[in-house]
Amino acid sequence: MNARAVFVLLVVATFAAAASAAPGAAQGPPAKVPRWESNLSLGAVSSGRIGIVKSFWWYAVPRIVTVGLSLDHVLEAIPVSLTLAVNAPTPIVVPFVCAGAGTTLTVGGISFYGGGLKIRLGRRLGIIAECRRYAFRQTDGAFEPTYTKATARYFGAGLAWIY
């Protein structure tokens, strides 16, 4: 199964889980919903290097839609991206899809899309597995550099914590 098929399956699973999640009956005062999440994952990049992805998320729509920043060490530079993610509002296993665009100081623009799974181990801690596909401009490093379009795939796993 290729990466595009996996991505489509993640998107379908995320939206199917979001559509099927029934709102629970509220009893007593509503519990405080955490609005911040931070993820750190370590993995492999298709170029052969080790990748590190650090994401900070704020839930614009609690438990479903997040916006945030992502610092991704998947190439020579570390790009900073503005990101958007849609999470399935399921209690323990949370599929998600995400996309972002940003820049680096040396290479210029970068964009990505991807998705993955978060598994909640407790109220504030979980593990994450994610796959992302990056598109960016690459330079040959010469005095008058030549820029080419390049892509890289990242697959990693790590920790997710909510606060």
N, C-alpha and C. Protein backbone atom coordinates (compact mmCIF):
# COMPACT_ATOMS: atom_id res chain seq x y z
N MET A 1 0.85 -1.17 0.00
CA MET A 1 0.00 0.00 0.00
C MET A 1 0.90 1.23 0.00
N ASN A 2 0.66 2.16 -0.93
CA ASN A 2 1.52 3.34 -1.01
C ASN A 2 1.10 4.42 -0.01
N ALA A 3 1.90 5.46 0.08
CA ALA A 3 1.68 6.51 1.08
C ALA A 3 0.38 7.26 0.83
N ARG A 4 0.02 7.47 -0.43
CA ARG A 4 -1.21 8.19 -0.74
C ARG A 4 -2.43 7.41 -0.25
N ALA A 5 -2.42 6.09 -0.43
CA ALA A 5 -3.54 5.26 0.04
C ALA A 5 -3.64 5.29 1.56
N VAL A 6 -2.49 5.25 2.24
CA VAL A 6 -2.49 5.32 3.71
C VAL A 6 -3.05 6.66 4.17
N PHE A 7 -2.66 7.74 3.49
CA PHE A 7 -3.16 9.07 3.85
C PHE A 7 -4.67 9.15 3.65
N VAL A 8 -5.17 8.64 2.54
CA VAL A 8 -6.61 8.67 2.28
C VAL A 8 -7.36 7.86 3.34
N LEU A 9 -6.82 6.70 3.71
CA LEU A 9 -7.45 5.89 4.76
C LEU A 9 -7.48 6.63 6.10
N LEU A 10 -6.40 7.35 6.44
CA LEU A 10 -6.38 8.13 7.67
C LEU A 10 -7.43 9.23 7.65
N VAL A 11 -7.56 9.92 6.51
CA VAL A 11 -8.55 10.98 6.39
C VAL A 11 -9.95 10.41 6.55
N VAL A 12 -10.24 9.31 5.87
CA VAL A 12 -11.57 8.70 5.96
C VAL A 12 -11.85 8.23 7.38
N ALA A 13 -10.86 7.59 8.03
CA ALA A 13 -11.06 7.11 9.40
C ALA A 13 -11.29 8.26 10.36
N THR A 14 -10.56 9.36 10.18
CA THR A 14 -10.72 10.52 11.06
C THR A 14 -12.12 11.11 10.93
N PHE A 15 -12.57 11.34 9.70
CA PHE A 15 -13.88 11.94 9.52
C PHE A 15 -15.01 10.97 9.88
N ALA A 16 -14.82 9.68 9.65
CA ALA A 16 -15.84 8.70 10.05
C ALA A 16 -15.98 8.65 11.57
N ALA A 17 -14.85 8.68 12.27
CA ALA A 17 -14.90 8.66 13.73
C ALA A 17 -15.51 9.95 14.27
N ALA A 18 -15.20 11.08 13.63
CA ALA A 18 -15.77 12.35 14.08
C ALA A 18 -17.28 12.38 13.84
N ALA A 19 -17.73 11.82 12.72
CA ALA A 19 -19.16 11.82 12.42
C ALA A 19 -19.94 10.86 13.31
N SER A 20 -19.30 9.78 13.73
CA SER A 20 -20.01 8.78 14.53
C SER A 20 -19.95 9.04 16.03
N ALA A 21 -19.13 9.99 16.46
CA ALA A 21 -19.01 10.26 17.90
C ALA A 21 -20.28 10.93 18.39
N ALA A 22 -20.96 10.28 19.30
CA ALA A 22 -22.21 10.82 19.85
C ALA A 22 -21.89 11.67 21.06
N PRO A 23 -22.54 12.83 21.19
CA PRO A 23 -22.29 13.63 22.38
C PRO A 23 -22.83 12.93 23.62
N GLY A 24 -22.06 12.97 24.69
CA GLY A 24 -22.48 12.32 25.94
C GLY A 24 -23.47 13.17 26.70
N ALA A 25 -24.25 12.55 27.53
CA ALA A 25 -25.20 13.27 28.36
C ALA A 25 -24.46 13.96 29.49
N ALA A 26 -24.64 15.25 29.59
CA ALA A 26 -23.94 16.02 30.61
C ALA A 26 -24.66 15.88 31.94
N GLN A 27 -23.93 15.50 32.96
CA GLN A 27 -24.49 15.40 34.30
C GLN A 27 -23.58 16.16 35.24
N GLY A 28 -24.15 17.09 35.96
CA GLY A 28 -23.36 17.90 36.88
C GLY A 28 -22.65 19.00 36.12
N PRO A 29 -21.72 19.67 36.79
CA PRO A 29 -20.99 20.75 36.12
C PRO A 29 -20.06 20.18 35.05
N PRO A 30 -19.93 20.89 33.93
CA PRO A 30 -19.06 20.39 32.86
C PRO A 30 -17.60 20.39 33.30
N ALA A 31 -16.89 19.35 32.89
CA ALA A 31 -15.47 19.24 33.22
C ALA A 31 -14.67 20.21 32.36
N LYS A 32 -13.57 20.70 32.89
CA LYS A 32 -12.70 21.60 32.14
C LYS A 32 -12.05 20.82 31.01
N VAL A 33 -12.15 21.36 29.81
CA VAL A 33 -11.59 20.70 28.63
C VAL A 33 -10.19 21.27 28.39
N PRO A 34 -9.16 20.41 28.35
CA PRO A 34 -7.81 20.91 28.06
C PRO A 34 -7.75 21.50 26.66
N ARG A 35 -7.06 22.63 26.51
CA ARG A 35 -6.99 23.30 25.22
C ARG A 35 -5.61 23.26 24.58
N TRP A 36 -4.57 22.80 25.27
CA TRP A 36 -3.22 22.78 24.74
C TRP A 36 -2.68 21.36 24.68
N GLU A 37 -1.90 21.10 23.64
CA GLU A 37 -1.25 19.80 23.49
C GLU A 37 0.13 20.03 22.90
N SER A 38 1.07 19.20 23.29
CA SER A 38 2.43 19.27 22.78
C SER A 38 2.88 17.86 22.42
N ASN A 39 3.46 17.71 21.24
CA ASN A 39 3.92 16.41 20.76
C ASN A 39 5.40 16.47 20.42
N LEU A 40 6.10 15.39 20.71
CA LEU A 40 7.51 15.26 20.33
C LEU A 40 7.70 13.86 19.78
N SER A 41 8.13 13.77 18.51
CA SER A 41 8.35 12.46 17.93
C SER A 41 9.72 12.40 17.26
N LEU A 42 10.26 11.21 17.21
CA LEU A 42 11.57 10.93 16.62
C LEU A 42 11.36 9.81 15.62
N GLY A 43 11.97 9.95 14.43
CA GLY A 43 11.75 8.93 13.43
C GLY A 43 12.72 9.00 12.28
N ALA A 44 12.35 8.39 11.18
CA ALA A 44 13.20 8.28 10.00
C ALA A 44 12.64 9.14 8.87
N VAL A 45 13.55 9.75 8.11
CA VAL A 45 13.21 10.54 6.94
C VAL A 45 13.63 9.74 5.72
N SER A 46 12.89 9.87 4.62
CA SER A 46 13.18 9.11 3.42
C SER A 46 14.57 9.40 2.85
N SER A 47 15.17 10.52 3.22
CA SER A 47 16.52 10.85 2.75
C SER A 47 17.60 10.09 3.51
N GLY A 48 17.21 9.33 4.54
CA GLY A 48 18.17 8.55 5.30
C GLY A 48 18.58 9.19 6.61
N ARG A 49 18.16 10.39 6.87
CA ARG A 49 18.53 11.06 8.12
C ARG A 49 17.51 10.78 9.21
N ILE A 50 17.86 11.11 10.42
CA ILE A 50 16.94 10.99 11.55
C ILE A 50 16.15 12.29 11.66
N GLY A 51 14.86 12.18 11.84
CA GLY A 51 14.00 13.35 11.92
C GLY A 51 13.45 13.53 13.32
N ILE A 52 13.23 14.79 13.69
CA ILE A 52 12.61 15.14 14.96
C ILE A 52 11.50 16.14 14.66
N VAL A 53 10.31 15.88 15.18
CA VAL A 53 9.18 16.79 14.98
C VAL A 53 8.65 17.21 16.35
N LYS A 54 8.60 18.51 16.59
CA LYS A 54 8.06 19.07 17.83
C LYS A 54 6.89 19.97 17.44
N SER A 55 5.71 19.66 17.96
CA SER A 55 4.51 20.42 17.64
C SER A 55 3.85 20.96 18.90
N PHE A 56 3.34 22.18 18.79
CA PHE A 56 2.55 22.81 19.85
C PHE A 56 1.17 23.09 19.26
N TRP A 57 0.12 22.59 19.90
CA TRP A 57 -1.23 22.71 19.37
C TRP A 57 -2.14 23.42 20.36
N TRP A 58 -3.05 24.24 19.84
CA TRP A 58 -4.12 24.84 20.61
C TRP A 58 -5.43 24.39 19.99
N TYR A 59 -6.33 23.84 20.80
CA TYR A 59 -7.61 23.35 20.30
C TYR A 59 -8.57 24.51 20.09
N ALA A 60 -8.75 24.92 18.84
CA ALA A 60 -9.71 25.97 18.52
C ALA A 60 -11.13 25.46 18.72
N VAL A 61 -11.38 24.22 18.35
CA VAL A 61 -12.63 23.51 18.66
C VAL A 61 -12.21 22.36 19.56
N PRO A 62 -12.60 22.37 20.84
CA PRO A 62 -12.10 21.37 21.79
C PRO A 62 -12.21 19.93 21.27
N ARG A 63 -11.09 19.22 21.38
CA ARG A 63 -10.93 17.81 21.01
C ARG A 63 -10.98 17.54 19.51
N ILE A 64 -11.22 18.55 18.65
CA ILE A 64 -11.38 18.27 17.22
C ILE A 64 -10.39 19.06 16.36
N VAL A 65 -10.49 20.38 16.33
CA VAL A 65 -9.67 21.21 15.43
C VAL A 65 -8.57 21.90 16.22
N THR A 66 -7.33 21.75 15.75
CA THR A 66 -6.20 22.41 16.40
C THR A 66 -5.45 23.28 15.40
N VAL A 67 -4.87 24.34 15.91
CA VAL A 67 -3.93 25.17 15.15
C VAL A 67 -2.66 25.26 15.99
N GLY A 68 -1.54 25.43 15.33
CA GLY A 68 -0.32 25.49 16.12
C GLY A 68 0.93 25.72 15.31
N LEU A 69 2.05 25.47 15.97
CA LEU A 69 3.38 25.61 15.39
C LEU A 69 4.06 24.25 15.36
N SER A 70 4.89 24.06 14.35
CA SER A 70 5.63 22.81 14.24
C SER A 70 7.08 23.13 13.89
N LEU A 71 8.00 22.55 14.64
CA LEU A 71 9.44 22.65 14.36
C LEU A 71 9.88 21.26 13.89
N ASP A 72 10.30 21.17 12.64
CA ASP A 72 10.55 19.87 12.03
C ASP A 72 11.99 19.76 11.55
N HIS A 73 12.77 18.92 12.19
CA HIS A 73 14.15 18.69 11.75
C HIS A 73 14.16 17.50 10.79
N VAL A 74 13.78 17.77 9.54
CA VAL A 74 13.72 16.71 8.54
C VAL A 74 14.64 16.98 7.36
N LEU A 75 15.31 18.12 7.36
CA LEU A 75 16.30 18.45 6.35
C LEU A 75 17.41 19.23 7.03
N GLU A 76 18.32 19.80 6.26
CA GLU A 76 19.48 20.47 6.86
C GLU A 76 19.06 21.60 7.79
N ALA A 77 18.04 22.33 7.41
CA ALA A 77 17.54 23.44 8.22
C ALA A 77 16.37 22.95 9.08
N ILE A 78 15.97 23.76 10.03
CA ILE A 78 14.81 23.43 10.86
C ILE A 78 13.70 24.40 10.50
N PRO A 79 12.71 23.96 9.72
CA PRO A 79 11.63 24.87 9.35
C PRO A 79 10.65 25.09 10.49
N VAL A 80 10.05 26.26 10.49
CA VAL A 80 8.97 26.59 11.42
C VAL A 80 7.70 26.70 10.58
N SER A 81 6.67 25.94 10.95
CA SER A 81 5.45 25.88 10.16
C SER A 81 4.23 26.23 11.01
N LEU A 82 3.28 26.93 10.40
CA LEU A 82 1.95 27.08 10.99
C LEU A 82 1.16 25.86 10.55
N THR A 83 0.46 25.23 11.47
CA THR A 83 -0.19 23.96 11.16
C THR A 83 -1.66 23.97 11.56
N LEU A 84 -2.40 23.09 10.92
CA LEU A 84 -3.81 22.87 11.20
C LEU A 84 -4.03 21.37 11.24
N ALA A 85 -4.77 20.89 12.22
CA ALA A 85 -5.06 19.45 12.32
C ALA A 85 -6.52 19.24 12.68
N VAL A 86 -7.04 18.12 12.21
CA VAL A 86 -8.39 17.68 12.55
C VAL A 86 -8.26 16.33 13.24
N ASN A 87 -8.77 16.26 14.47
CA ASN A 87 -8.70 15.04 15.29
C ASN A 87 -10.09 14.43 15.41
N ALA A 88 -10.15 13.11 15.43
CA ALA A 88 -11.42 12.44 15.73
C ALA A 88 -11.66 12.55 17.24
N PRO A 89 -12.86 12.94 17.66
CA PRO A 89 -13.11 13.12 19.10
C PRO A 89 -13.40 11.80 19.81
N THR A 90 -12.49 10.87 19.68
CA THR A 90 -12.63 9.57 20.34
C THR A 90 -11.82 9.58 21.63
N PRO A 91 -12.18 8.79 22.63
CA PRO A 91 -11.56 8.92 23.94
C PRO A 91 -10.14 8.37 24.06
N ILE A 92 -9.82 7.24 23.46
CA ILE A 92 -8.52 6.62 23.70
C ILE A 92 -7.63 6.65 22.46
N VAL A 93 -8.09 6.09 21.36
CA VAL A 93 -7.32 6.09 20.11
C VAL A 93 -7.85 7.23 19.25
N VAL A 94 -6.98 8.20 18.93
CA VAL A 94 -7.40 9.41 18.23
C VAL A 94 -6.67 9.50 16.89
N PRO A 95 -7.34 9.16 15.77
CA PRO A 95 -6.72 9.40 14.47
C PRO A 95 -6.78 10.89 14.15
N PHE A 96 -5.80 11.37 13.39
CA PHE A 96 -5.77 12.78 13.03
C PHE A 96 -5.14 12.96 11.65
N VAL A 97 -5.47 14.07 11.01
CA VAL A 97 -4.81 14.51 9.79
C VAL A 97 -4.32 15.92 10.04
N CYS A 98 -3.21 16.28 9.40
CA CYS A 98 -2.64 17.61 9.62
C CYS A 98 -2.00 18.12 8.34
N ALA A 99 -1.85 19.44 8.26
CA ALA A 99 -1.18 20.09 7.14
C ALA A 99 -0.57 21.38 7.66
N GLY A 100 0.49 21.82 7.00
CA GLY A 100 1.13 23.04 7.44
C GLY A 100 1.99 23.65 6.35
N ALA A 101 2.34 24.90 6.55
CA ALA A 101 3.22 25.61 5.64
C ALA A 101 4.09 26.54 6.47
N GLY A 102 5.33 26.69 6.04
CA GLY A 102 6.25 27.54 6.79
C GLY A 102 7.47 27.89 5.99
N THR A 103 8.53 28.22 6.71
CA THR A 103 9.75 28.66 6.06
C THR A 103 10.96 28.29 6.88
N THR A 104 12.12 28.37 6.26
CA THR A 104 13.40 28.25 6.93
C THR A 104 14.23 29.46 6.54
N LEU A 105 15.31 29.69 7.25
CA LEU A 105 16.17 30.82 6.91
C LEU A 105 17.01 30.56 5.67
N THR A 106 17.30 29.31 5.37
CA THR A 106 18.23 29.00 4.29
C THR A 106 17.56 28.52 3.01
N VAL A 107 16.50 27.74 3.12
CA VAL A 107 15.94 27.09 1.94
C VAL A 107 14.68 27.78 1.43
N GLY A 108 13.96 28.47 2.26
CA GLY A 108 12.73 29.11 1.83
C GLY A 108 11.52 28.33 2.26
N GLY A 109 10.48 28.34 1.44
CA GLY A 109 9.20 27.75 1.80
C GLY A 109 9.21 26.24 1.93
N ILE A 110 8.36 25.75 2.81
CA ILE A 110 8.17 24.32 3.00
C ILE A 110 6.70 24.10 3.35
N SER A 111 6.16 23.00 2.88
CA SER A 111 4.79 22.63 3.23
C SER A 111 4.74 21.13 3.50
N PHE A 112 3.72 20.70 4.22
CA PHE A 112 3.58 19.28 4.50
C PHE A 112 2.13 18.92 4.71
N TYR A 113 1.85 17.65 4.57
CA TYR A 113 0.57 17.08 4.98
C TYR A 113 0.85 15.71 5.55
N GLY A 114 -0.06 15.21 6.36
CA GLY A 114 0.15 13.90 6.95
C GLY A 114 -0.96 13.54 7.91
N GLY A 115 -0.65 12.61 8.77
CA GLY A 115 -1.63 12.15 9.74
C GLY A 115 -1.02 11.09 10.63
N GLY A 116 -1.85 10.54 11.48
CA GLY A 116 -1.35 9.51 12.37
C GLY A 116 -2.36 9.14 13.43
N LEU A 117 -1.84 8.56 14.49
CA LEU A 117 -2.66 8.11 15.62
C LEU A 117 -2.05 8.60 16.92
N LYS A 118 -2.93 9.02 17.83
CA LYS A 118 -2.53 9.30 19.21
C LYS A 118 -3.26 8.31 20.09
N ILE A 119 -2.55 7.70 21.01
CA ILE A 119 -3.16 6.77 21.95
C ILE A 119 -3.01 7.36 23.35
N ARG A 120 -4.14 7.63 23.99
CA ARG A 120 -4.13 8.22 25.33
C ARG A 120 -3.82 7.15 26.36
N LEU A 121 -2.77 7.37 27.14
CA LEU A 121 -2.40 6.45 28.22
C LEU A 121 -2.98 6.89 29.56
N GLY A 122 -3.41 8.11 29.62
CA GLY A 122 -3.99 8.68 30.83
C GLY A 122 -4.64 10.00 30.47
N ARG A 123 -5.00 10.76 31.48
CA ARG A 123 -5.67 12.03 31.23
C ARG A 123 -4.77 13.03 30.52
N ARG A 124 -3.49 13.04 30.83
CA ARG A 124 -2.57 14.05 30.30
C ARG A 124 -1.46 13.51 29.40
N LEU A 125 -1.30 12.21 29.30
CA LEU A 125 -0.16 11.64 28.58
C LEU A 125 -0.62 10.62 27.55
N GLY A 126 0.10 10.58 26.44
CA GLY A 126 -0.19 9.60 25.41
C GLY A 126 1.03 9.37 24.54
N ILE A 127 0.87 8.48 23.57
CA ILE A 127 1.92 8.25 22.59
C ILE A 127 1.36 8.62 21.22
N ILE A 128 2.25 8.97 20.31
CA ILE A 128 1.85 9.41 18.99
C ILE A 128 2.69 8.69 17.94
N ALA A 129 2.07 8.34 16.84
CA ALA A 129 2.76 7.84 15.66
C ALA A 129 2.25 8.66 14.49
N GLU A 130 3.17 9.23 13.73
CA GLU A 130 2.74 10.11 12.65
C GLU A 130 3.58 9.92 11.40
N CYS A 131 2.97 10.24 10.27
CA CYS A 131 3.62 10.17 8.97
C CYS A 131 3.35 11.50 8.28
N ARG A 132 4.38 12.10 7.71
CA ARG A 132 4.23 13.38 7.03
C ARG A 132 4.98 13.35 5.71
N ARG A 133 4.46 14.11 4.73
CA ARG A 133 5.14 14.26 3.45
C ARG A 133 5.44 15.74 3.28
N TYR A 134 6.71 16.06 3.12
CA TYR A 134 7.18 17.44 3.01
C TYR A 134 7.51 17.77 1.56
N ALA A 135 7.25 19.01 1.16
CA ALA A 135 7.68 19.54 -0.13
C ALA A 135 8.41 20.85 0.16
N PHE A 136 9.60 21.00 -0.41
CA PHE A 136 10.41 22.18 -0.12
C PHE A 136 11.34 22.46 -1.28
N ARG A 137 11.94 23.66 -1.25
CA ARG A 137 12.95 24.01 -2.25
C ARG A 137 14.30 23.62 -1.70
N GLN A 138 15.13 23.09 -2.57
CA GLN A 138 16.47 22.65 -2.17
C GLN A 138 17.49 23.42 -2.99
N THR A 139 18.59 23.81 -2.35
CA THR A 139 19.64 24.55 -3.04
C THR A 139 20.90 23.70 -3.15
N ASP A 140 21.69 23.99 -4.18
CA ASP A 140 22.94 23.24 -4.35
C ASP A 140 24.09 23.86 -3.55
N GLY A 141 23.86 24.99 -2.88
CA GLY A 141 24.86 25.59 -2.01
C GLY A 141 25.93 26.40 -2.73
N ALA A 142 25.79 26.61 -4.02
CA ALA A 142 26.79 27.36 -4.78
C ALA A 142 26.65 28.86 -4.52
N PHE A 143 27.63 29.64 -5.04
CA PHE A 143 27.59 31.09 -4.88
C PHE A 143 26.33 31.66 -5.52
N GLU A 144 26.00 31.19 -6.71
CA GLU A 144 24.73 31.53 -7.34
C GLU A 144 23.90 30.25 -7.32
N PRO A 145 23.15 30.04 -6.24
CA PRO A 145 22.50 28.74 -6.04
C PRO A 145 21.40 28.43 -7.06
N THR A 146 21.26 27.17 -7.33
CA THR A 146 20.17 26.67 -8.15
C THR A 146 19.17 26.00 -7.22
N TYR A 147 17.92 26.39 -7.32
CA TYR A 147 16.88 25.83 -6.46
C TYR A 147 16.09 24.78 -7.23
N THR A 148 15.85 23.67 -6.59
CA THR A 148 15.02 22.62 -7.16
C THR A 148 13.95 22.23 -6.14
N LYS A 149 12.86 21.68 -6.64
CA LYS A 149 11.81 21.20 -5.74
C LYS A 149 12.20 19.82 -5.25
N ALA A 150 11.98 19.58 -3.97
CA ALA A 150 12.32 18.28 -3.38
C ALA A 150 11.20 17.85 -2.45
N THR A 151 11.15 16.55 -2.18
CA THR A 151 10.17 16.01 -1.24
C THR A 151 10.87 15.08 -0.27
N ALA A 152 10.28 14.92 0.87
CA ALA A 152 10.79 13.98 1.87
C ALA A 152 9.60 13.42 2.64
N ARG A 153 9.72 12.18 3.04
CA ARG A 153 8.69 11.55 3.87
C ARG A 153 9.28 11.30 5.26
N TYR A 154 8.43 11.45 6.26
CA TYR A 154 8.85 11.26 7.65
C TYR A 154 7.87 10.30 8.32
N PHE A 155 8.41 9.35 9.07
CA PHE A 155 7.59 8.49 9.91
C PHE A 155 8.25 8.42 11.27
N GLY A 156 7.50 8.77 12.32
CA GLY A 156 8.08 8.77 13.65
C GLY A 156 7.06 8.49 14.73
N ALA A 157 7.55 8.32 15.92
CA ALA A 157 6.70 8.05 17.08
C ALA A 157 7.30 8.75 18.29
N GLY A 158 6.44 9.05 19.26
CA GLY A 158 6.93 9.72 20.46
C GLY A 158 5.83 9.94 21.48
N LEU A 159 5.96 11.05 22.21
CA LEU A 159 5.05 11.36 23.32
C LEU A 159 4.13 12.52 22.96
N ALA A 160 2.93 12.47 23.51
CA ALA A 160 1.97 13.56 23.40
C ALA A 160 1.49 13.88 24.80
N TRP A 161 1.50 15.14 25.17
CA TRP A 161 0.98 15.50 26.49
C TRP A 161 0.04 16.68 26.36
N ILE A 162 -1.00 16.66 27.19
CA ILE A 162 -2.06 17.66 27.16
C ILE A 162 -1.99 18.47 28.45
N TYR A 163 -2.13 19.77 28.32
CA TYR A 163 -2.12 20.63 29.51
C TYR A 163 -3.06 21.79 29.30
